Amino acid sequence: MRELETNRLILRKLNENDAESIYNNWANDPEVTKWLTWEAHNSVEVTKEILSIWLNDYDNDSTYRWGIELKKTHELIGMIDVCRYMDDGNPEIGYVSGRKFWGNGYMTEAFKAVIEELLSHGFKNIYIRAVDNNIGSNRVIEKCGFQYLETHQEEQKNRLFNVNSYKLFL
């Protein structure tokens, strides 16, 4: 996995020094995590434990996980990764960013760079899902050229959500 660069962002491997930024910028925020499959972290120690797992995952060639860093300030504002592989062997993307960075086009910029990178690795299709009520995320997905497939119900955190599935058709 190589580092990616856009006009405003550097997409890079996470490292052990990122725990505080991850915790402070998004992992501890219930408003950010309400649409995710995991709960907000209640301490930086939880973030450190999870980050350790993510760092070990880099030993696997099929791991694609980038921290999203602002070029201007070098602040880590989010992350984007292949969260699972579909039955056809193609990737499903997941992403998250801190609330104070929403609405600036950062995730669209990062997502487009990741799409290019994955296509250059020979993937033919890319998938993503978003909770129906997560308007911002659904907009990012559509801006990146994905087409809606279906809405289905999915249980997350002991609640039932309507989840939209999308696919990038080439």
Protein backbone atom coordinates (compact mmCIF):
# COMPACT_ATOMS: atom_id res chain seq x y z
CA MET A 1 0.00 0.00 0.00
CA ARG A 2 1.47 3.31 -1.03
CA GLU A 3 0.91 6.83 0.18
CA LEU A 4 -1.56 8.85 -1.90
CA GLU A 5 -1.62 12.60 -2.38
CA THR A 6 -4.38 14.95 -3.52
CA ASN A 7 -4.55 18.73 -3.72
CA ARG A 8 -5.24 19.14 0.00
CA LEU A 9 -4.64 15.71 1.52
CA ILE A 10 -2.07 13.04 2.18
CA LEU A 11 -3.45 9.53 2.54
CA ARG A 12 -0.93 7.49 4.51
CA LYS A 13 -0.50 4.44 6.67
CA LEU A 14 -1.57 4.93 10.25
CA ASN A 15 1.11 4.70 12.93
CA GLU A 16 1.19 4.25 16.70
CA ASN A 17 1.48 8.02 17.22
CA ASP A 18 -1.98 8.53 15.69
CA ALA A 19 -4.01 7.24 18.66
CA GLU A 20 -4.60 10.65 20.27
CA SER A 21 -5.67 12.24 16.97
CA ILE A 22 -8.00 9.35 16.13
CA TYR A 23 -9.58 9.52 19.56
CA ASN A 24 -9.86 13.32 19.72
CA ASN A 25 -10.90 13.98 16.12
CA TRP A 26 -13.56 11.30 15.60
CA ALA A 27 -13.49 8.06 17.62
CA ASN A 28 -14.84 9.60 20.84
CA ASP A 29 -17.67 11.53 19.14
CA PRO A 30 -21.12 9.86 19.37
CA GLU A 31 -22.38 12.16 16.61
CA VAL A 32 -19.73 10.75 14.24
CA THR A 33 -20.13 7.11 15.28
CA LYS A 34 -23.93 7.03 15.33
CA TRP A 35 -23.90 5.90 11.67
CA LEU A 36 -21.01 3.46 12.09
CA THR A 37 -20.98 -0.18 13.14
CA TRP A 38 -19.01 0.63 16.30
CA GLU A 39 -19.68 2.77 19.35
CA ALA A 40 -17.74 5.89 20.30
CA HIS A 41 -14.58 5.09 22.24
CA ASN A 42 -14.80 5.99 25.92
CA SER A 43 -11.04 6.37 26.36
CA VAL A 44 -7.88 6.80 24.35
CA GLU A 45 -6.84 3.38 25.69
CA VAL A 46 -9.64 1.78 23.65
CA THR A 47 -8.40 3.64 20.59
CA LYS A 48 -4.84 2.44 21.23
CA GLU A 49 -6.01 -1.19 21.42
CA ILE A 50 -7.93 -0.94 18.15
CA LEU A 51 -5.12 0.98 16.45
CA SER A 52 -2.76 -1.83 17.41
CA ILE A 53 -4.98 -4.31 15.55
CA TRP A 54 -5.15 -2.01 12.52
CA LEU A 55 -1.36 -1.64 12.46
CA ASN A 56 -0.91 -5.43 12.57
CA ASP A 57 -3.29 -5.70 9.62
CA TYR A 58 -0.72 -3.90 7.45
CA ASP A 59 1.26 -7.17 7.40
CA ASN A 60 -1.48 -8.54 5.12
CA ASP A 61 -1.16 -7.55 1.45
CA SER A 62 -4.93 -7.26 1.12
CA THR A 63 -5.09 -4.45 3.70
CA TYR A 64 -5.82 -1.03 2.26
CA ARG A 65 -6.19 1.50 5.07
CA TRP A 66 -5.21 5.14 4.94
CA GLY A 67 -5.21 7.89 7.51
CA ILE A 68 -6.43 11.13 5.94
CA GLU A 69 -4.11 14.00 6.79
CA LEU A 70 -4.46 17.67 5.88
CA LYS A 71 -1.39 18.77 3.94
CA LYS A 72 -1.51 22.28 5.34
CA THR A 73 -1.53 21.36 9.05
CA HIS A 74 -0.55 17.65 9.05
CA GLU A 75 -3.62 17.00 11.19
CA LEU A 76 -5.16 13.52 10.93
CA ILE A 77 -8.84 14.16 10.14
CA GLY A 78 -10.16 10.71 9.30
CA MET A 79 -9.52 7.38 7.68
CA ILE A 80 -10.65 5.37 4.69
CA ASP A 81 -10.17 1.66 4.09
CA VAL A 82 -11.31 -1.54 2.48
CA CYS A 83 -13.52 -2.81 5.28
CA ARG A 84 -14.30 -6.14 3.63
CA TYR A 85 -14.16 -8.03 0.35
CA MET A 86 -17.37 -8.99 -1.42
CA ASP A 87 -18.20 -12.45 -2.81
CA ASP A 88 -16.86 -11.37 -6.21
CA GLY A 89 -13.49 -10.49 -4.62
CA ASN A 90 -13.97 -6.76 -5.02
CA PRO A 91 -13.61 -4.30 -2.14
CA GLU A 92 -16.17 -2.52 -0.01
CA ILE A 93 -14.99 0.83 1.29
CA GLY A 94 -15.60 2.37 4.69
CA TYR A 95 -14.66 5.84 5.82
CA VAL A 96 -14.95 8.23 8.72
CA SER A 97 -13.88 11.78 9.47
CA GLY A 98 -14.10 14.16 12.37
CA ARG A 99 -17.22 16.30 12.55
CA LYS A 100 -15.34 19.59 12.42
CA PHE A 101 -14.02 18.56 8.98
CA TRP A 102 -17.42 17.74 7.45
CA GLY A 103 -18.71 19.80 4.55
CA ASN A 104 -15.31 20.74 3.12
CA GLY A 105 -15.13 18.10 0.38
CA TYR A 106 -12.25 16.28 2.07
CA MET A 107 -13.91 12.86 2.02
CA THR A 108 -14.93 13.17 -1.63
CA GLU A 109 -11.32 14.08 -2.46
CA ALA A 110 -9.92 11.18 -0.44
CA PHE A 111 -12.47 8.69 -1.78
CA LYS A 112 -11.70 9.58 -5.41
CA ALA A 113 -7.98 9.00 -4.77
CA VAL A 114 -8.68 5.62 -3.16
CA ILE A 115 -10.96 4.61 -6.05
CA GLU A 116 -8.16 5.38 -8.53
CA GLU A 117 -5.67 3.42 -6.46
CA LEU A 118 -7.90 0.36 -6.14
CA LEU A 119 -8.70 0.37 -9.86
CA SER A 120 -4.96 0.50 -10.59
CA HIS A 121 -4.64 -2.71 -8.55
CA GLY A 122 -7.01 -4.47 -10.94
CA PHE A 123 -10.27 -4.36 -9.00
CA LYS A 124 -13.20 -4.24 -11.43
CA ASN A 125 -15.92 -3.01 -9.08
CA ILE A 126 -16.00 -1.15 -5.80
CA TYR A 127 -18.84 -1.23 -3.29
CA ILE A 128 -19.92 0.94 -0.38
CA ARG A 129 -22.88 1.11 2.02
CA ALA A 130 -24.32 3.97 4.02
CA VAL A 131 -27.20 4.30 6.43
CA ASP A 132 -30.10 5.92 4.59
CA ASN A 133 -30.36 8.79 7.11
CA ASN A 134 -26.66 9.64 6.75
CA ILE A 135 -27.31 12.28 4.09
CA GLY A 136 -23.72 13.57 3.93
CA SER A 137 -22.21 10.16 3.33
CA ASN A 138 -24.77 9.26 0.68
CA ARG A 139 -23.93 12.54 -1.12
CA VAL A 140 -20.20 11.75 -1.07
CA ILE A 141 -20.89 8.32 -2.54
CA GLU A 142 -23.01 9.73 -5.35
CA LYS A 143 -20.46 12.50 -6.11
CA CYS A 144 -17.86 9.78 -6.57
CA GLY A 145 -19.91 8.14 -9.33
CA PHE A 146 -21.46 5.22 -7.47
CA GLN A 147 -24.84 3.90 -8.49
CA TYR A 148 -27.52 2.91 -6.04
CA LEU A 149 -28.22 -0.83 -5.86
CA GLU A 150 -30.76 -1.35 -3.07
CA THR A 151 -31.85 -0.48 0.44
CA HIS A 152 -32.03 -3.24 3.02
CA GLN A 153 -32.42 -3.42 6.77
CA GLU A 154 -29.36 -4.18 8.83
CA GLU A 155 -28.89 -4.51 12.57
CA GLN A 156 -26.12 -2.37 14.00
CA LYS A 157 -25.51 -1.71 17.68
CA ASN A 158 -28.80 -3.47 18.56
CA ARG A 159 -30.81 -1.15 16.30
CA LEU A 160 -32.32 -1.70 12.88
CA PHE A 161 -31.19 0.69 10.13
CA ASN A 162 -32.13 1.13 6.48
CA VAL A 163 -28.82 0.81 4.63
CA ASN A 164 -28.22 1.87 1.03
CA SER A 165 -25.85 -0.24 -1.06
CA TYR A 166 -23.91 1.24 -3.97
CA LYS A 167 -21.55 -0.03 -6.62
CA LEU A 168 -19.10 1.70 -8.92
CA PHE A 169 -19.74 0.22 -12.36
CA LEU A 170 -16.92 0.40 -14.89
